[in-house]
PDB file of all heavy atoms in Angstrom:
ATOM      1  N   ILE A   1       0.841  -1.202  -0.003  1.00  0.00           N
ATOM      2  CA  ILE A   1       0.004   0.003   0.000  1.00  0.00           C
ATOM      3  C   ILE A   1       0.873   1.256   0.000  1.00  0.00           C
ATOM      4  O   ILE A   1       0.597   2.221  -0.707  1.00  0.00           O
ATOM      5  CB  ILE A   1      -0.931  -0.025   1.225  1.00  0.00           C
ATOM      6  CG1 ILE A   1      -1.986  -1.129   1.050  1.00  0.00           C
ATOM      7  CG2 ILE A   1      -1.607   1.337   1.427  1.00  0.00           C
ATOM      8  CD1 ILE A   1      -2.807  -1.382   2.289  1.00  0.00           C
ATOM      9  N   ALA A   2       1.965   1.226   0.787  1.00  0.00           N
ATOM     10  CA  ALA A   2       2.877   2.360   0.839  1.00  0.00           C
ATOM     11  C   ALA A   2       3.563   2.595  -0.501  1.00  0.00           C
ATOM     12  O   ALA A   2       3.713   3.727  -0.955  1.00  0.00           O
ATOM     13  CB  ALA A   2       3.915   2.143   1.937  1.00  0.00           C
ATOM     14  N   VAL A   3       3.972   1.518  -1.158  1.00  0.00           N
ATOM     15  CA  VAL A   3       4.612   1.630  -2.474  1.00  0.00           C
ATOM     16  C   VAL A   3       3.648   2.226  -3.478  1.00  0.00           C
ATOM     17  O   VAL A   3       3.987   3.119  -4.269  1.00  0.00           O
ATOM     18  CB  VAL A   3       5.119   0.250  -2.957  1.00  0.00           C
ATOM     19  CG1 VAL A   3       5.519   0.311  -4.434  1.00  0.00           C
ATOM     20  CG2 VAL A   3       6.304  -0.203  -2.124  1.00  0.00           C
ATOM     21  N   SER A   4       2.413   1.745  -3.485  1.00  0.00           N
ATOM     22  CA  SER A   4       1.408   2.256  -4.413  1.00  0.00           C
ATOM     23  C   SER A   4       1.166   3.743  -4.175  1.00  0.00           C
ATOM     24  O   SER A   4       1.051   4.532  -5.137  1.00  0.00           O
ATOM     25  CB  SER A   4       0.106   1.466  -4.231  1.00  0.00           C
ATOM     26  OG  SER A   4      -0.916   1.982  -5.069  1.00  0.00           O
ATOM     27  N   ALA A   5       1.081   4.148  -2.902  1.00  0.00           N
ATOM     28  CA  ALA A   5       0.863   5.565  -2.579  1.00  0.00           C
ATOM     29  C   ALA A   5       2.061   6.421  -2.980  1.00  0.00           C
ATOM     30  O   ALA A   5       1.905   7.549  -3.424  1.00  0.00           O
ATOM     31  CB  ALA A   5       0.569   5.719  -1.086  1.00  0.00           C
ATOM     32  N   MET A   6       3.255   5.881  -2.796  1.00  0.00           N
ATOM     33  CA  MET A   6       4.467   6.592  -3.186  1.00  0.00           C
ATOM     34  C   MET A   6       4.472   6.850  -4.706  1.00  0.00           C
ATOM     35  O   MET A   6       4.768   7.959  -5.161  1.00  0.00           O
ATOM     36  CB  MET A   6       5.717   5.781  -2.807  1.00  0.00           C
ATOM     37  CG  MET A   6       7.028   6.403  -3.247  1.00  0.00           C
ATOM     38  SD  MET A   6       8.479   5.356  -2.900  1.00  0.00           S
ATOM     39  CE  MET A   6       8.161   3.967  -3.997  1.00  0.00           C
ATOM     40  N   LYS A   7       4.120   5.851  -5.470  1.00  0.00           N
ATOM     41  CA  LYS A   7       4.089   5.987  -6.927  1.00  0.00           C
ATOM     42  C   LYS A   7       2.989   6.964  -7.356  1.00  0.00           C
ATOM     43  O   LYS A   7       3.198   7.808  -8.221  1.00  0.00           O
ATOM     44  CB  LYS A   7       3.866   4.613  -7.563  1.00  0.00           C
ATOM     45  CG  LYS A   7       5.048   3.663  -7.394  1.00  0.00           C
ATOM     46  CD  LYS A   7       4.679   2.224  -7.715  1.00  0.00           C
ATOM     47  CE  LYS A   7       4.222   2.015  -9.129  1.00  0.00           C
ATOM     48  NZ  LYS A   7       3.938   0.592  -9.420  1.00  0.00           N
ATOM     49  N   GLN A   8       1.815   6.846  -6.742  1.00  0.00           N
ATOM     50  CA  GLN A   8       0.682   7.698  -7.125  1.00  0.00           C
ATOM     51  C   GLN A   8       0.984   9.172  -6.882  1.00  0.00           C
ATOM     52  O   GLN A   8       0.584  10.030  -7.660  1.00  0.00           O
ATOM     53  CB  GLN A   8      -0.560   7.271  -6.351  1.00  0.00           C
ATOM     54  CG  GLN A   8      -1.861   7.910  -6.792  1.00  0.00           C
ATOM     55  CD  GLN A   8      -2.067   9.289  -6.201  1.00  0.00           C
ATOM     56  OE1 GLN A   8      -1.622   9.571  -5.093  1.00  0.00           O
ATOM     57  NE2 GLN A   8      -2.712  10.181  -6.948  1.00  0.00           N
ATOM     58  N   SER A   9       1.695   9.453  -5.795  1.00  0.00           N
ATOM     59  CA  SER A   9       1.973  10.835  -5.429  1.00  0.00           C
ATOM     60  C   SER A   9       3.328  11.317  -5.924  1.00  0.00           C
ATOM     61  O   SER A   9       3.757  12.429  -5.583  1.00  0.00           O
ATOM     62  CB  SER A   9       1.885  11.009  -3.906  1.00  0.00           C
ATOM     63  OG  SER A   9       2.761  10.105  -3.252  1.00  0.00           O
ATOM     64  N   VAL A  10       4.010  10.482  -6.723  1.00  0.00           N
ATOM     65  CA  VAL A  10       5.320  10.801  -7.301  1.00  0.00           C
ATOM     66  C   VAL A  10       6.318  11.211  -6.196  1.00  0.00           C
ATOM     67  O   VAL A  10       6.934  12.253  -6.228  1.00  0.00           O
ATOM     68  CB  VAL A  10       5.229  11.904  -8.378  1.00  0.00           C
ATOM     69  CG1 VAL A  10       6.528  11.945  -9.197  1.00  0.00           C
ATOM     70  CG2 VAL A  10       4.042  11.697  -9.300  1.00  0.00           C
ATOM     71  N   LYS A  11       6.437  10.339  -5.223  1.00  0.00           N
ATOM     72  CA  LYS A  11       7.424  10.498  -4.169  1.00  0.00           C
ATOM     73  C   LYS A  11       8.611   9.589  -4.507  1.00  0.00           C
ATOM     74  O   LYS A  11       8.451   8.538  -5.122  1.00  0.00           O
ATOM     75  CB  LYS A  11       6.850  10.109  -2.807  1.00  0.00           C
ATOM     76  CG  LYS A  11       5.725  11.018  -2.309  1.00  0.00           C
ATOM     77  CD  LYS A  11       6.287  12.325  -1.797  1.00  0.00           C
ATOM     78  CE  LYS A  11       5.226  13.127  -1.063  1.00  0.00           C
ATOM     79  NZ  LYS A  11       4.087  13.541  -1.906  1.00  0.00           N
ATOM     80  N   ALA A  12       9.810   9.983  -4.070  1.00  0.00           N
ATOM     81  CA  ALA A  12      10.980   9.161  -4.304  1.00  0.00           C
ATOM     82  C   ALA A  12      11.442   8.446  -3.036  1.00  0.00           C
ATOM     83  O   ALA A  12      12.355   7.623  -3.095  1.00  0.00           O
ATOM     84  CB  ALA A  12      12.113  10.012  -4.859  1.00  0.00           C
ATOM     85  N   TYR A  13      10.828   8.782  -1.905  1.00  0.00           N
ATOM     86  CA  TYR A  13      11.206   8.166  -0.643  1.00  0.00           C
ATOM     87  C   TYR A  13      10.090   7.249  -0.151  1.00  0.00           C
ATOM     88  O   TYR A  13       8.941   7.663  -0.024  1.00  0.00           O
ATOM     89  CB  TYR A  13      11.470   9.241   0.429  1.00  0.00           C
ATOM     90  CG  TYR A  13      12.727  10.035   0.206  1.00  0.00           C
ATOM     91  CD1 TYR A  13      12.675  11.256  -0.461  1.00  0.00           C
ATOM     92  CD2 TYR A  13      13.961   9.573   0.662  1.00  0.00           C
ATOM     93  CE1 TYR A  13      13.840  12.007  -0.659  1.00  0.00           C
ATOM     94  CE2 TYR A  13      15.116  10.305   0.470  1.00  0.00           C
ATOM     95  CZ  TYR A  13      15.051  11.528  -0.183  1.00  0.00           C
ATOM     96  OH  TYR A  13      16.204  12.265  -0.400  1.00  0.00           O
ATOM     97  N   LEU A  14      10.458   5.994   0.118  1.00  0.00           N
ATOM     98  CA  LEU A  14       9.513   5.052   0.717  1.00  0.00           C
ATOM     99  C   LEU A  14       9.783   5.054   2.223  1.00  0.00           C
ATOM    100  O   LEU A  14      10.905   4.823   2.664  1.00  0.00           O
ATOM    101  CB  LEU A  14       9.723   3.645   0.160  1.00  0.00           C
ATOM    102  CG  LEU A  14       8.776   2.559   0.680  1.00  0.00           C
ATOM    103  CD1 LEU A  14       7.368   2.826   0.213  1.00  0.00           C
ATOM    104  CD2 LEU A  14       9.247   1.188   0.226  1.00  0.00           C
ATOM    105  N   PRO A  15       8.771   5.326   3.047  1.00  0.00           N
ATOM    106  CA  PRO A  15       9.013   5.396   4.490  1.00  0.00           C
ATOM    107  C   PRO A  15       9.432   4.047   5.061  1.00  0.00           C
ATOM    108  O   PRO A  15       9.053   2.989   4.554  1.00  0.00           O
ATOM    109  CB  PRO A  15       7.658   5.843   5.053  1.00  0.00           C
ATOM    110  CG  PRO A  15       6.669   5.441   4.026  1.00  0.00           C
ATOM    111  CD  PRO A  15       7.352   5.599   2.698  1.00  0.00           C
ATOM    112  N   THR A  16      10.207   4.099   6.114  1.00  0.00           N
ATOM    113  CA  THR A  16      10.587   2.891   6.851  1.00  0.00           C
ATOM    114  C   THR A  16       9.373   2.431   7.652  1.00  0.00           C
ATOM    115  O   THR A  16       8.770   3.212   8.383  1.00  0.00           O
ATOM    116  CB  THR A  16      11.751   3.180   7.802  1.00  0.00           C
ATOM    117  OG1 THR A  16      12.861   3.646   7.051  1.00  0.00           O
ATOM    118  CG2 THR A  16      12.151   1.923   8.560  1.00  0.00           C
ATOM    119  N   LEU A  17       9.017   1.167   7.501  1.00  0.00           N
ATOM    120  CA  LEU A  17       7.864   0.596   8.194  1.00  0.00           C
ATOM    121  C   LEU A  17       8.350  -0.432   9.204  1.00  0.00           C
ATOM    122  O   LEU A  17       8.991  -1.425   8.840  1.00  0.00           O
ATOM    123  CB  LEU A  17       6.903  -0.058   7.200  1.00  0.00           C
ATOM    124  CG  LEU A  17       6.331   0.853   6.111  1.00  0.00           C
ATOM    125  CD1 LEU A  17       5.534   0.017   5.099  1.00  0.00           C
ATOM    126  CD2 LEU A  17       5.451   1.940   6.713  1.00  0.00           C
ATOM    127  N   HIS A  18       8.059  -0.202  10.483  1.00  0.00           N
ATOM    128  CA  HIS A  18       8.488  -1.105  11.531  1.00  0.00           C
ATOM    129  C   HIS A  18       7.334  -2.009  11.952  1.00  0.00           C
ATOM    130  O   HIS A  18       6.180  -1.582  11.996  1.00  0.00           O
ATOM    131  CB  HIS A  18       8.971  -0.312  12.747  1.00  0.00           C
ATOM    132  CG  HIS A  18      10.148   0.563  12.458  1.00  0.00           C
ATOM    133  ND1 HIS A  18      11.433   0.085  12.310  1.00  0.00           N
ATOM    134  CD2 HIS A  18      10.241   1.918  12.275  1.00  0.00           C
ATOM    135  CE1 HIS A  18      12.272   1.087  12.076  1.00  0.00           C
ATOM    136  NE2 HIS A  18      11.557   2.211  12.044  1.00  0.00           N
ATOM    137  N   PRO A  19       7.629  -3.256  12.302  1.00  0.00           N
ATOM    138  CA  PRO A  19       6.568  -4.171  12.746  1.00  0.00           C
ATOM    139  C   PRO A  19       6.054  -3.782  14.118  1.00  0.00           C
ATOM    140  O   PRO A  19       6.522  -2.827  14.747  1.00  0.00           O
ATOM    141  CB  PRO A  19       7.299  -5.536  12.794  1.00  0.00           C
ATOM    142  CG  PRO A  19       8.728  -5.166  13.074  1.00  0.00           C
ATOM    143  CD  PRO A  19       8.959  -3.881  12.310  1.00  0.00           C
ATOM    144  N   LEU A  20       5.072  -4.543  14.594  1.00  0.00           N
ATOM    145  CA  LEU A  20       4.521  -4.301  15.928  1.00  0.00           C
ATOM    146  C   LEU A  20       5.645  -4.290  16.971  1.00  0.00           C
ATOM    147  O   LEU A  20       6.435  -5.238  17.047  1.00  0.00           O
ATOM    148  CB  LEU A  20       3.500  -5.364  16.285  1.00  0.00           C
ATOM    149  CG  LEU A  20       2.043  -5.083  15.912  1.00  0.00           C
ATOM    150  CD1 LEU A  20       1.181  -6.277  16.275  1.00  0.00           C
ATOM    151  CD2 LEU A  20       1.511  -3.831  16.586  1.00  0.00           C
ATOM    152  N   THR A  21       5.703  -3.227  17.738  1.00  0.00           N
ATOM    153  CA  THR A  21       6.759  -3.040  18.735  1.00  0.00           C
ATOM    154  C   THR A  21       6.126  -2.754  20.091  1.00  0.00           C
ATOM    155  O   THR A  21       5.212  -1.923  20.190  1.00  0.00           O
ATOM    156  CB  THR A  21       7.648  -1.846  18.330  1.00  0.00           C
ATOM    157  OG1 THR A  21       8.181  -2.074  17.020  1.00  0.00           O
ATOM    158  CG2 THR A  21       8.789  -1.669  19.320  1.00  0.00           C
ATOM    159  N   ARG A  22       6.584  -3.432  21.105  1.00  0.00           N
ATOM    160  CA  ARG A  22       6.076  -3.177  22.455  1.00  0.00           C
ATOM    161  C   ARG A  22       6.325  -1.730  22.830  1.00  0.00           C
ATOM    162  O   ARG A  22       7.411  -1.181  22.601  1.00  0.00           O
ATOM    163  CB  ARG A  22       6.719  -4.112  23.468  1.00  0.00           C
ATOM    164  CG  ARG A  22       6.292  -5.560  23.333  1.00  0.00           C
ATOM    165  CD  ARG A  22       6.980  -6.464  24.366  1.00  0.00           C
ATOM    166  NE  ARG A  22       6.611  -6.074  25.742  1.00  0.00           N
ATOM    167  CZ  ARG A  22       7.440  -5.505  26.600  1.00  0.00           C
ATOM    168  NH1 ARG A  22       8.691  -5.200  26.243  1.00  0.00           N
ATOM    169  NH2 ARG A  22       7.035  -5.215  27.826  1.00  0.00           N
ATOM    170  N   TYR A  23       5.327  -1.113  23.392  1.00  0.00           N
ATOM    171  CA  TYR A  23       5.399   0.314  23.744  1.00  0.00           C
ATOM    172  C   TYR A  23       6.613   0.613  24.616  1.00  0.00           C
ATOM    173  O   TYR A  23       7.370   1.564  24.344  1.00  0.00           O
ATOM    174  CB  TYR A  23       4.109   0.706  24.487  1.00  0.00           C
ATOM    175  CG  TYR A  23       4.027   2.150  24.907  1.00  0.00           C
ATOM    176  CD1 TYR A  23       3.733   3.144  23.988  1.00  0.00           C
ATOM    177  CD2 TYR A  23       4.231   2.515  26.242  1.00  0.00           C
ATOM    178  CE1 TYR A  23       3.640   4.489  24.371  1.00  0.00           C
ATOM    179  CE2 TYR A  23       4.132   3.839  26.641  1.00  0.00           C
ATOM    180  CZ  TYR A  23       3.851   4.816  25.705  1.00  0.00           C
ATOM    181  OH  TYR A  23       3.764   6.127  26.105  1.00  0.00           O
ATOM    182  N   ALA A  24       6.839  -0.182  25.635  1.00  0.00           N
ATOM    183  CA  ALA A  24       7.974   0.056  26.533  1.00  0.00           C
ATOM    184  C   ALA A  24       9.294  -0.067  25.792  1.00  0.00           C
ATOM    185  O   ALA A  24      10.242   0.686  26.053  1.00  0.00           O
ATOM    186  CB  ALA A  24       7.920  -0.939  27.699  1.00  0.00           C
ATOM    187  N   ASP A  25       9.371  -1.016  24.851  1.00  0.00           N
ATOM    188  CA  ASP A  25      10.597  -1.176  24.063  1.00  0.00           C
ATOM    189  C   ASP A  25      10.843   0.024  23.179  1.00  0.00           C
ATOM    190  O   ASP A  25      11.979   0.470  23.005  1.00  0.00           O
ATOM    191  CB  ASP A  25      10.512  -2.446  23.201  1.00  0.00           C
ATOM    192  CG  ASP A  25      10.515  -3.714  24.042  1.00  0.00           C
ATOM    193  OD1 ASP A  25      10.964  -3.651  25.201  1.00  0.00           O
ATOM    194  OD2 ASP A  25      10.058  -4.760  23.532  1.00  0.00           O
ATOM    195  N   PHE A  26       9.765   0.569  22.629  1.00  0.00           N
ATOM    196  CA  PHE A  26       9.917   1.745  21.772  1.00  0.00           C
ATOM    197  C   PHE A  26      10.457   2.935  22.548  1.00  0.00           C
ATOM    198  O   PHE A  26      11.321   3.670  22.068  1.00  0.00           O
ATOM    199  CB  PHE A  26       8.594   2.102  21.102  1.00  0.00           C
ATOM    200  CG  PHE A  26       8.690   3.262  20.150  1.00  0.00           C
ATOM    201  CD1 PHE A  26       9.159   3.092  18.868  1.00  0.00           C
ATOM    202  CD2 PHE A  26       8.331   4.553  20.559  1.00  0.00           C
ATOM    203  CE1 PHE A  26       9.276   4.160  17.986  1.00  0.00           C
ATOM    204  CE2 PHE A  26       8.435   5.621  19.692  1.00  0.00           C
ATOM    205  CZ  PHE A  26       8.921   5.426  18.407  1.00  0.00           C
ATOM    206  N   LEU A  27       9.945   3.133  23.747  1.00  0.00           N
ATOM    207  CA  LEU A  27      10.395   4.259  24.558  1.00  0.00           C
ATOM    208  C   LEU A  27      11.868   4.168  24.933  1.00  0.00           C
ATOM    209  O   LEU A  27      12.511   5.176  25.200  1.00  0.00           O
ATOM    210  CB  LEU A  27       9.544   4.356  25.833  1.00  0.00           C
ATOM    211  CG  LEU A  27       8.072   4.721  25.668  1.00  0.00           C
ATOM    212  CD1 LEU A  27       7.412   4.838  27.030  1.00  0.00           C
ATOM    213  CD2 LEU A  27       7.883   6.003  24.868  1.00  0.00           C
ATOM    214  N   GLN A  28      12.400   2.950  24.929  1.00  0.00           N
ATOM    215  CA  GLN A  28      13.807   2.754  25.302  1.00  0.00           C
ATOM    216  C   GLN A  28      14.762   2.972  24.124  1.00  0.00           C
ATOM    217  O   GLN A  28      15.984   2.957  24.329  1.00  0.00           O
ATOM    218  CB  GLN A  28      13.994   1.350  25.877  1.00  0.00           C
ATOM    219  CG  GLN A  28      13.299   1.137  27.218  1.00  0.00           C
ATOM    220  CD  GLN A  28      13.419  -0.282  27.720  1.00  0.00           C
ATOM    221  OE1 GLN A  28      14.084  -1.124  27.116  1.00  0.00           O
ATOM    222  NE2 GLN A  28      12.737  -0.570  28.829  1.00  0.00           N
ATOM    223  N   GLN A  29      14.225   3.146  22.933  1.00  0.00           N
ATOM    224  CA  GLN A  29      15.097   3.346  21.773  1.00  0.00           C
ATOM    225  C   GLN A  29      15.810   4.699  21.883  1.00  0.00           C
ATOM    226  O   GLN A  29      15.293   5.634  22.506  1.00  0.00           O
ATOM    227  CB  GLN A  29      14.287   3.269  20.484  1.00  0.00           C
ATOM    228  CG  GLN A  29      13.700   1.883  20.214  1.00  0.00           C
ATOM    229  CD  GLN A  29      12.883   1.826  18.956  1.00  0.00           C
ATOM    230  OE1 GLN A  29      12.795   2.785  18.196  1.00  0.00           O
ATOM    231  NE2 GLN A  29      12.250   0.687  18.717  1.00  0.00           N
ATOM    232  N   PRO A  30      16.983   4.831  21.285  1.00  0.00           N
ATOM    233  CA  PRO A  30      17.740   6.093  21.329  1.00  0.00           C
ATOM    234  C   PRO A  30      16.894   7.266  20.863  1.00  0.00           C
ATOM    235  O   PRO A  30      16.189   7.177  19.852  1.00  0.00           O
ATOM    236  CB  PRO A  30      18.915   5.828  20.386  1.00  0.00           C
ATOM    237  CG  PRO A  30      19.092   4.348  20.406  1.00  0.00           C
ATOM    238  CD  PRO A  30      17.714   3.780  20.529  1.00  0.00           C
ATOM    239  N   ALA A  31      16.947   8.354  21.600  1.00  0.00           N
ATOM    240  CA  ALA A  31      16.109   9.525  21.312  1.00  0.00           C
ATOM    241  C   ALA A  31      16.785  10.449  20.307  1.00  0.00           C
ATOM    242  O   ALA A  31      17.982  10.698  20.387  1.00  0.00           O
ATOM    243  CB  ALA A  31      15.837  10.283  22.605  1.00  0.00           C
ATOM    244  N   THR A  32      15.998  10.941  19.354  1.00  0.00           N
ATOM    245  CA  THR A  32      16.469  11.934  18.397  1.00  0.00           C
ATOM    246  C   THR A  32      15.385  12.972  18.179  1.00  0.00           C
ATOM    247  O   THR A  32      14.198  12.643  18.167  1.00  0.00           O
ATOM    248  CB  THR A  32      16.841  11.297  17.035  1.00  0.00           C
ATOM    249  OG1 THR A  32      15.680  10.609  16.520  1.00  0.00           O
ATOM    250  CG2 THR A  32      17.973  10.303  17.175  1.00  0.00           C
ATOM    251  N   GLY A  33      15.789  14.212  18.016  1.00  0.00           N
ATOM    252  CA  GLY A  33      14.857  15.272  17.675  1.00  0.00           C
ATOM    253  C   GLY A  33      13.826  15.576  18.756  1.00  0.00           C
ATOM    254  O   GLY A  33      14.041  15.338  19.943  1.00  0.00           O
ATOM    255  N   GLN A  34      12.699  16.109  18.316  1.00  0.00           N
ATOM    256  CA  GLN A  34      11.621  16.524  19.204  1.00  0.00           C
ATOM    257  C   GLN A  34      10.560  15.416  19.260  1.00  0.00           C
ATOM    258  O   GLN A  34      10.135  14.897  18.230  1.00  0.00           O
ATOM    259  CB  GLN A  34      11.007  17.840  18.731  1.00  0.00           C
ATOM    260  CG  GLN A  34      12.032  18.978  18.653  1.00  0.00           C
ATOM    261  CD  GLN A  34      11.421  20.265  18.159  1.00  0.00           C
ATOM    262  OE1 GLN A  34      10.354  20.666  18.587  1.00  0.00           O
ATOM    263  NE2 GLN A  34      12.127  20.944  17.245  1.00  0.00           N
ATOM    264  N   ARG A  35      10.107  15.105  20.484  1.00  0.00           N
ATOM    265  CA  ARG A  35       9.217  13.961  20.692  1.00  0.00           C
ATOM    266  C   ARG A  35       7.957  14.381  21.444  1.00  0.00           C
ATOM    267  O   ARG A  35       8.029  15.134  22.416  1.00  0.00           O
ATOM    268  CB  ARG A  35       9.964  12.859  21.463  1.00  0.00           C
ATOM    269  CG  ARG A  35      11.136  12.270  20.684  1.00  0.00           C
ATOM    270  CD  ARG A  35      12.029  11.443  21.588  1.00  0.00           C
ATOM    271  NE  ARG A  35      12.700  12.264  22.580  1.00  0.00           N
ATOM    272  CZ  ARG A  35      13.113  11.841  23.777  1.00  0.00           C
ATOM    273  NH1 ARG A  35      12.864  10.601  24.141  1.00  0.00           N
ATOM    274  NH2 ARG A  35      13.722  12.660  24.610  1.00  0.00           N
ATOM    275  N   PHE A  36       6.826  13.860  20.968  1.00  0.00           N
ATOM    276  CA  PHE A  36       5.536  14.237  21.545  1.00  0.00           C
ATOM    277  C   PHE A  36       4.647  13.028  21.731  1.00  0.00           C
ATOM    278  O   PHE A  36       4.764  12.032  21.003  1.00  0.00           O
ATOM    279  CB  PHE A  36       4.812  15.230  20.629  1.00  0.00           C
ATOM    280  CG  PHE A  36       5.618  16.469  20.307  1.00  0.00           C
ATOM    281  CD1 PHE A  36       6.313  16.568  19.128  1.00  0.00           C
ATOM    282  CD2 PHE A  36       5.671  17.532  21.207  1.00  0.00           C
ATOM    283  CE1 PHE A  36       7.054  17.702  18.817  1.00  0.00           C
ATOM    284  CE2 PHE A  36       6.410  18.673  20.924  1.00  0.00           C
ATOM    285  CZ  PHE A  36       7.102  18.764  19.721  1.00  0.00           C
ATOM    286  N   ILE A  37       3.753  13.128  22.695  1.00  0.00           N
ATOM    287  CA  ILE A  37       2.711  12.115  22.869  1.00  0.00           C
ATOM    288  C   ILE A  37       1.367  12.820  22.871  1.00  0.00           C
ATOM    289  O   ILE A  37       1.136  13.770  23.640  1.00  0.00           O
ATOM    290  CB  ILE A  37       2.908  11.291  24.170  1.00  0.00           C
ATOM    291  CG1 ILE A  37       1.721  10.309  24.331  1.00  0.00           C
ATOM    292  CG2 ILE A  37       3.093  12.172  25.400  1.00  0.00           C
ATOM    293  CD1 ILE A  37       1.924   9.295  25.447  1.00  0.00           C
ATOM    294  N   ALA A  38       0.484  12.407  21.972  1.00  0.00           N
ATOM    295  CA  ALA A  38      -0.873  12.973  21.908  1.00  0.00           C
ATOM    296  C   ALA A  38      -1.801  12.030  22.680  1.00  0.00           C
ATOM    297  O   ALA A  38      -1.948  10.859  22.319  1.00  0.00           O
ATOM    298  CB  ALA A  38      -1.314  13.094  20.451  1.00  0.00           C
ATOM    299  N   HIS A  39      -2.378  12.536  23.733  1.00  0.00           N
ATOM    300  CA  HIS A  39      -3.233  11.675  24.560  1.00  0.00           C
ATOM    301  C   HIS A  39      -4.429  12.478  25.087  1.00  0.00           C
ATOM    302  O   HIS A  39      -4.503  13.705  24.955  1.00  0.00           O
ATOM    303  CB  HIS A  39      -2.440  11.097  25.738  1.00  0.00           C
ATOM    304  CG  HIS A  39      -2.047  12.105  26.771  1.00  0.00           C
ATOM    305  ND1 HIS A  39      -2.890  12.501  27.795  1.00  0.00           N
ATOM    306  CD2 HIS A  39      -0.899  12.821  26.959  1.00  0.00           C
ATOM    307  CE1 HIS A  39      -2.296  13.379  28.558  1.00  0.00           C
ATOM    308  NE2 HIS A  39      -1.081  13.620  28.071  1.00  0.00           N
ATOM    309  N   LEU A  40      -5.372  11.753  25.717  1.00  0.00           N
ATOM    310  CA  LEU A  40      -6.603  12.380  26.201  1.00  0.00           C
ATOM    311  C   LEU A  40      -6.785  12.167  27.700  1.00  0.00           C
ATOM    312  O   LEU A  40      -7.899  12.353  28.227  1.00  0.00           O
ATOM    313  CB  LEU A  40      -7.813  11.794  25.460  1.00  0.00           C
ATOM    314  CG  LEU A  40      -7.858  12.047  23.949  1.00  0.00           C
ATOM    315  CD1 LEU A  40      -8.979  11.231  23.309  1.00  0.00           C
ATOM    316  CD2 LEU A  40      -8.038  13.526  23.642  1.00  0.00           C
ATOM    317  N   VAL A  41      -5.738  11.756  28.403  1.00  0.00           N
ATOM    318  CA  VAL A  41      -5.843  11.502  29.840  1.00  0.00           C
ATOM    319  C   VAL A  41      -6.182  12.800  30.586  1.00  0.00           C
ATOM    320  O   VAL A  41      -5.506  13.822  30.415  1.00  0.00           O
ATOM    321  CB  VAL A  41      -4.538  10.898  30.390  1.00  0.00           C
ATOM    322  CG1 VAL A  41      -4.631  10.719  31.907  1.00  0.00           C
ATOM    323  CG2 VAL A  41      -4.263   9.559  29.724  1.00  0.00           C
TER     324      VAL A  41
END
């Protein structure tokens, strides 16, 4: 689906797609740039 959308919109970059990742594991990954969490708590 991503490849089809890339071709349709004439993009040259295909985004990196990561598989299901445990939330806690994701938070432990090396931090880069500005990071946000959108929540309704």
